[in-house]
Amino acid sequence: GIKSVPLISSLNNVAKFNLDEVDQVEYRVNYTFDGLKDTVYHCAMFKLPDSWIKEKRHLIRYETLYSPGTEENLHHWDLVECGSEFEEIYLKNNDLLQQGECYSGEWLKAIQHCHKISLVWAVGGATIQDFPEDLAYPMGGPDEETRYFFLEIHFDNPRLKKDITDNSGVRLYGTKNYRKNEFGVFTIGASENYGGLIVPPGADTFRVNYGCSSDCVNKFFEEQEEIKVFSTLPHTHLTGKEIYTKVIRD
């Protein structure tokens, strides 16, 4: 088998803050391995707490939660925020989705209104992620369009376990003691769909390049005089052999 060891993230400093001043909320899935598939993308839709929707929170930590005995099957999770059209269009005509396979049936209709990947974790990463002391990720508030989000959890099950239930998920730590700076997430690379990356059959190597020109950058960050990157998370699956990001100035 394979075991991922987080050698680099083990050096992370754990931030010090008063837990009495932090709201903790957790979101978990309920998935039972059926023994038929060796890989599954399981999705669950959630709503932010009403108190967070009423008054914005600054997210300062998130924690990966896993079920003892199935941690070897947890490959990654994404937290994907939904836009206001999820309520205005989808929920206006449909009930809130039940948990299920991400890219099939009703889920395909729902997640077309959810595109903002904001938090992620992948195997080998630290289970507790603290943000630098002067940074926070904003969530909630009456002026924000995001009230709903979904968790996409990728389960690997190469030994085809069955009849085992997993309740993995994430715990969010939010505070009303706002920090100096808010940050955002910029996602680049292949589209997350079956046609986003197609490797020719029998290829020994296959390279894909993505570019974002200065015009593109200025379009996305028109209000920012300066962009400071403090963290990256490159990610491929077993087909990927090498991934890098190059910044070309001026």
Protein backbone atom coordinates (compact mmCIF):
# COMPACT_ATOMS: atom_id res chain seq x y z
CA GLY A 1 0.00 0.00 0.00
CA ILE A 2 0.87 3.69 0.02
CA LYS A 3 1.19 6.02 2.99
CA SER A 4 1.51 9.80 2.61
CA VAL A 5 3.56 11.56 5.27
CA PRO A 6 3.24 15.38 5.61
CA LEU A 7 6.94 16.16 6.09
CA ILE A 8 6.68 19.86 5.19
CA SER A 9 3.36 20.71 6.80
CA SER A 10 4.56 19.16 10.07
CA LEU A 11 6.73 22.26 10.45
CA ASN A 12 3.74 24.62 10.36
CA ASN A 13 3.33 26.86 13.38
CA VAL A 14 0.01 26.45 15.16
CA ALA A 15 -1.59 29.86 15.58
CA LYS A 16 -2.48 31.05 19.07
CA PHE A 17 -5.91 32.56 19.58
CA ASN A 18 -8.66 32.54 22.17
CA LEU A 19 -11.09 29.75 21.31
CA ASP A 20 -13.75 31.52 23.40
CA GLU A 21 -13.81 34.23 20.72
CA VAL A 22 -14.17 31.76 17.84
CA ASP A 23 -17.29 30.05 16.48
CA GLN A 24 -16.77 26.44 15.46
CA VAL A 25 -19.06 24.69 12.99
CA GLU A 26 -18.53 21.31 11.40
CA TYR A 27 -19.91 19.67 8.31
CA ARG A 28 -19.69 15.93 7.73
CA VAL A 29 -20.79 13.56 5.02
CA ASN A 30 -22.46 10.18 5.42
CA TYR A 31 -21.07 7.71 2.89
CA THR A 32 -21.08 3.92 2.97
CA PHE A 33 -18.59 2.00 0.81
CA ASP A 34 -20.44 -0.42 -1.44
CA GLY A 35 -17.39 -2.40 -2.56
CA LEU A 36 -18.20 -1.84 -6.25
CA LYS A 37 -16.05 1.20 -7.11
CA ASP A 38 -12.40 1.87 -6.38
CA THR A 39 -12.83 5.65 -6.59
CA VAL A 40 -15.84 7.83 -5.78
CA TYR A 41 -16.58 11.55 -5.71
CA HIS A 42 -19.20 12.06 -3.02
CA CYS A 43 -20.96 15.42 -2.58
CA ALA A 44 -23.03 16.94 0.22
CA MET A 45 -24.72 20.37 0.19
CA PHE A 46 -24.72 22.57 3.30
CA LYS A 47 -25.85 26.02 4.41
CA LEU A 48 -23.84 28.47 6.49
CA PRO A 49 -25.19 29.08 10.02
CA ASP A 50 -27.84 31.80 10.15
CA SER A 51 -25.64 33.78 12.55
CA TRP A 52 -22.82 33.76 9.97
CA ILE A 53 -25.20 34.88 7.22
CA LYS A 54 -26.40 37.72 9.40
CA GLU A 55 -22.89 38.82 10.42
CA LYS A 56 -19.70 38.03 8.50
CA ARG A 57 -17.05 35.83 10.05
CA HIS A 58 -13.33 35.79 9.40
CA LEU A 59 -12.18 32.22 8.89
CA ILE A 60 -8.82 31.75 10.64
CA ARG A 61 -8.52 27.95 10.75
CA TYR A 62 -10.04 24.86 9.19
CA GLU A 63 -9.64 21.27 10.27
CA THR A 64 -10.05 18.05 8.32
CA LEU A 65 -12.25 15.52 10.11
CA TYR A 66 -12.02 11.85 9.27
CA SER A 67 -13.51 8.60 10.49
CA PRO A 68 -11.07 6.24 12.25
CA GLY A 69 -10.49 3.24 10.03
CA THR A 70 -11.17 4.99 6.73
CA GLU A 71 -8.41 7.64 6.76
CA GLU A 72 -6.48 5.64 4.15
CA ASN A 73 -9.44 6.09 1.80
CA LEU A 74 -9.72 9.88 2.12
CA HIS A 75 -7.89 11.37 -0.88
CA HIS A 76 -9.05 14.99 -0.88
CA TRP A 77 -11.94 17.34 -0.25
CA ASP A 78 -12.98 20.66 -1.77
CA LEU A 79 -15.33 23.23 -0.31
CA VAL A 80 -17.14 24.84 -3.24
CA GLU A 81 -19.27 27.94 -2.68
CA CYS A 82 -22.52 28.51 -4.57
CA GLY A 83 -23.61 31.82 -6.05
CA SER A 84 -26.90 33.56 -5.33
CA GLU A 85 -28.44 31.90 -8.41
CA PHE A 86 -28.35 28.57 -6.55
CA GLU A 87 -31.19 29.87 -4.37
CA GLU A 88 -32.82 32.09 -6.98
CA ILE A 89 -32.91 29.45 -9.72
CA TYR A 90 -32.28 25.97 -8.35
CA LEU A 91 -33.88 26.05 -4.88
CA LYS A 92 -36.82 28.02 -6.24
CA ASN A 93 -37.83 24.92 -8.20
CA ASN A 94 -36.16 22.09 -6.30
CA ASP A 95 -35.63 20.78 -2.79
CA LEU A 96 -32.17 20.79 -1.24
CA LEU A 97 -30.18 17.87 -2.61
CA GLN A 98 -29.54 14.65 -0.78
CA GLN A 99 -25.93 13.52 -0.53
CA GLY A 100 -24.78 11.51 -3.51
CA GLU A 101 -22.35 10.99 -6.36
CA CYS A 102 -21.12 14.38 -7.52
CA TYR A 103 -21.22 14.30 -11.28
CA SER A 104 -24.44 12.47 -12.00
CA GLY A 105 -28.17 13.05 -12.07
CA GLU A 106 -29.54 15.95 -10.05
CA TRP A 107 -26.12 16.98 -8.81
CA LEU A 108 -25.05 17.97 -12.32
CA LYS A 109 -27.97 20.42 -12.46
CA ALA A 110 -27.27 21.89 -9.03
CA ILE A 111 -23.52 22.42 -9.10
CA GLN A 112 -23.64 24.49 -12.28
CA HIS A 113 -24.47 27.33 -9.85
CA CYS A 114 -21.45 26.58 -7.64
CA HIS A 115 -17.99 27.38 -8.98
CA LYS A 116 -15.95 29.03 -6.24
CA ILE A 117 -13.45 26.58 -4.75
CA SER A 118 -12.39 28.24 -1.51
CA LEU A 119 -10.95 25.60 0.84
CA VAL A 120 -9.17 22.37 -0.01
CA TRP A 121 -7.29 19.53 1.60
CA ALA A 122 -5.43 16.63 -0.01
CA VAL A 123 -3.78 13.49 1.30
CA GLY A 124 -0.44 14.27 2.92
CA GLY A 125 -1.54 17.71 4.07
CA ALA A 126 -1.88 18.84 7.67
CA THR A 127 -5.28 18.11 9.19
CA ILE A 128 -5.28 21.53 10.91
CA GLN A 129 -4.62 24.55 8.67
CA ASP A 130 -4.05 27.94 10.28
CA PHE A 131 -3.86 31.15 8.28
CA PRO A 132 -1.12 33.74 8.94
CA GLU A 133 -1.98 36.01 11.85
CA ASP A 134 -2.85 39.07 9.74
CA LEU A 135 -4.94 37.14 7.17
CA ALA A 136 -8.43 35.68 7.14
CA TYR A 137 -10.88 34.27 4.63
CA PRO A 138 -14.30 36.04 4.74
CA MET A 139 -17.42 33.92 4.95
CA GLY A 140 -21.04 34.95 5.37
CA GLY A 141 -22.45 38.40 5.95
CA PRO A 142 -25.59 39.96 4.42
CA ASP A 143 -23.68 41.48 1.49
CA GLU A 144 -22.12 38.20 0.32
CA GLU A 145 -23.91 36.02 -2.22
CA THR A 146 -22.66 32.73 -0.75
CA ARG A 147 -25.06 31.11 1.69
CA TYR A 148 -24.78 27.54 0.42
CA PHE A 149 -21.76 25.41 -0.42
CA PHE A 150 -21.01 21.78 -1.06
CA LEU A 151 -18.25 19.44 0.03
CA GLU A 152 -16.77 17.24 -2.67
CA ILE A 153 -14.93 14.33 -1.09
CA HIS A 154 -12.84 11.97 -3.17
CA PHE A 155 -12.68 8.46 -1.71
CA ASP A 156 -10.15 5.90 -2.92
CA ASN A 157 -11.10 2.29 -2.24
CA PRO A 158 -8.56 0.07 -4.05
CA ARG A 159 -9.27 -2.89 -1.75
CA LEU A 160 -13.00 -2.54 -2.44
CA LYS A 161 -14.08 -2.31 1.17
CA LYS A 162 -17.82 -2.55 1.68
CA ASP A 163 -20.42 -1.88 4.36
CA ILE A 164 -18.14 0.66 6.10
CA THR A 165 -19.57 4.11 6.80
CA ASP A 166 -17.46 7.25 6.59
CA ASN A 167 -18.33 10.56 8.27
CA SER A 168 -15.40 12.68 7.14
CA GLY A 169 -15.73 16.43 6.78
CA VAL A 170 -14.41 19.80 7.86
CA ARG A 171 -14.58 22.03 10.95
CA LEU A 172 -14.50 25.79 10.35
CA TYR A 173 -13.21 28.32 12.87
CA GLY A 174 -14.70 31.80 12.37
CA THR A 175 -14.38 34.99 14.41
CA LYS A 176 -15.97 38.43 14.56
CA ASN A 177 -12.63 39.86 15.69
CA TYR A 178 -11.74 40.82 12.14
CA ARG A 179 -8.14 40.60 11.00
CA LYS A 180 -6.27 43.24 9.03
CA ASN A 181 -6.44 41.59 5.59
CA GLU A 182 -8.91 39.37 3.77
CA PHE A 183 -7.66 36.99 1.09
CA GLY A 184 -9.20 35.19 -1.85
CA VAL A 185 -8.54 32.07 -3.88
CA PHE A 186 -7.54 32.01 -7.55
CA THR A 187 -7.85 28.63 -9.31
CA ILE A 188 -5.96 27.86 -12.52
CA GLY A 189 -5.47 24.73 -14.61
CA ALA A 190 -7.70 22.15 -16.23
CA SER A 191 -11.48 22.35 -15.93
CA GLU A 192 -12.98 19.98 -13.37
CA ASN A 193 -14.93 17.83 -15.77
CA TYR A 194 -14.37 14.72 -17.82
CA GLY A 195 -13.40 16.75 -20.89
CA GLY A 196 -11.09 19.13 -19.06
CA LEU A 197 -7.95 17.07 -19.61
CA ILE A 198 -7.69 14.35 -22.22
CA VAL A 199 -4.41 12.40 -22.46
CA PRO A 200 -3.89 10.63 -25.81
CA PRO A 201 -3.94 6.82 -25.46
CA GLY A 202 -0.53 5.18 -25.22
CA ALA A 203 1.32 8.46 -24.68
CA ASP A 204 4.60 8.20 -22.74
CA THR A 205 4.50 11.92 -21.96
CA PHE A 206 1.93 14.61 -22.45
CA ARG A 207 2.44 18.22 -21.46
CA VAL A 208 -0.32 20.80 -20.97
CA ASN A 209 0.44 24.50 -20.58
CA TYR A 210 -1.97 27.14 -19.30
CA GLY A 211 -1.27 30.85 -19.52
CA CYS A 212 -2.84 33.91 -17.93
CA SER A 213 -1.67 37.14 -19.59
CA SER A 214 -1.35 40.49 -17.83
CA ASP A 215 -4.65 41.52 -19.44
CA CYS A 216 -6.27 38.46 -17.88
CA VAL A 217 -4.71 39.14 -14.47
CA ASN A 218 -5.77 42.79 -14.55
CA LYS A 219 -9.32 41.77 -15.41
CA PHE A 220 -9.57 39.57 -12.32
CA PHE A 221 -7.65 41.83 -9.96
CA GLU A 222 -8.48 45.28 -11.29
CA GLU A 223 -8.87 46.77 -7.81
CA GLN A 224 -5.54 45.50 -6.55
CA GLU A 225 -2.35 47.46 -7.01
CA GLU A 226 -0.30 44.55 -5.72
CA ILE A 227 -0.96 40.83 -5.41
CA LYS A 228 0.76 38.87 -2.66
CA VAL A 229 0.71 35.08 -2.88
CA PHE A 230 1.21 33.38 0.49
CA SER A 231 0.20 29.81 -0.31
CA THR A 232 -0.28 27.44 -3.23
CA LEU A 233 -1.70 23.96 -3.56
CA PRO A 234 -0.66 22.19 -6.78
CA HIS A 235 -2.69 19.05 -7.35
CA THR A 236 -2.77 16.22 -9.87
CA HIS A 237 -3.82 12.61 -9.60
CA LEU A 238 -1.77 9.51 -10.41
CA THR A 239 -1.44 10.46 -14.07
CA GLY A 240 0.35 13.69 -13.15
CA LYS A 241 4.15 13.52 -12.93
CA GLU A 242 5.13 17.17 -12.61
CA ILE A 243 3.32 20.46 -11.99
CA TYR A 244 4.66 23.97 -11.57
CA THR A 245 3.54 27.60 -11.69
CA LYS A 246 5.73 30.31 -13.18
CA VAL A 247 5.29 34.02 -12.46
CA ILE A 248 6.63 36.36 -15.16
CA ARG A 249 6.82 40.00 -14.06
CA ASP A 250 6.44 43.01 -16.37
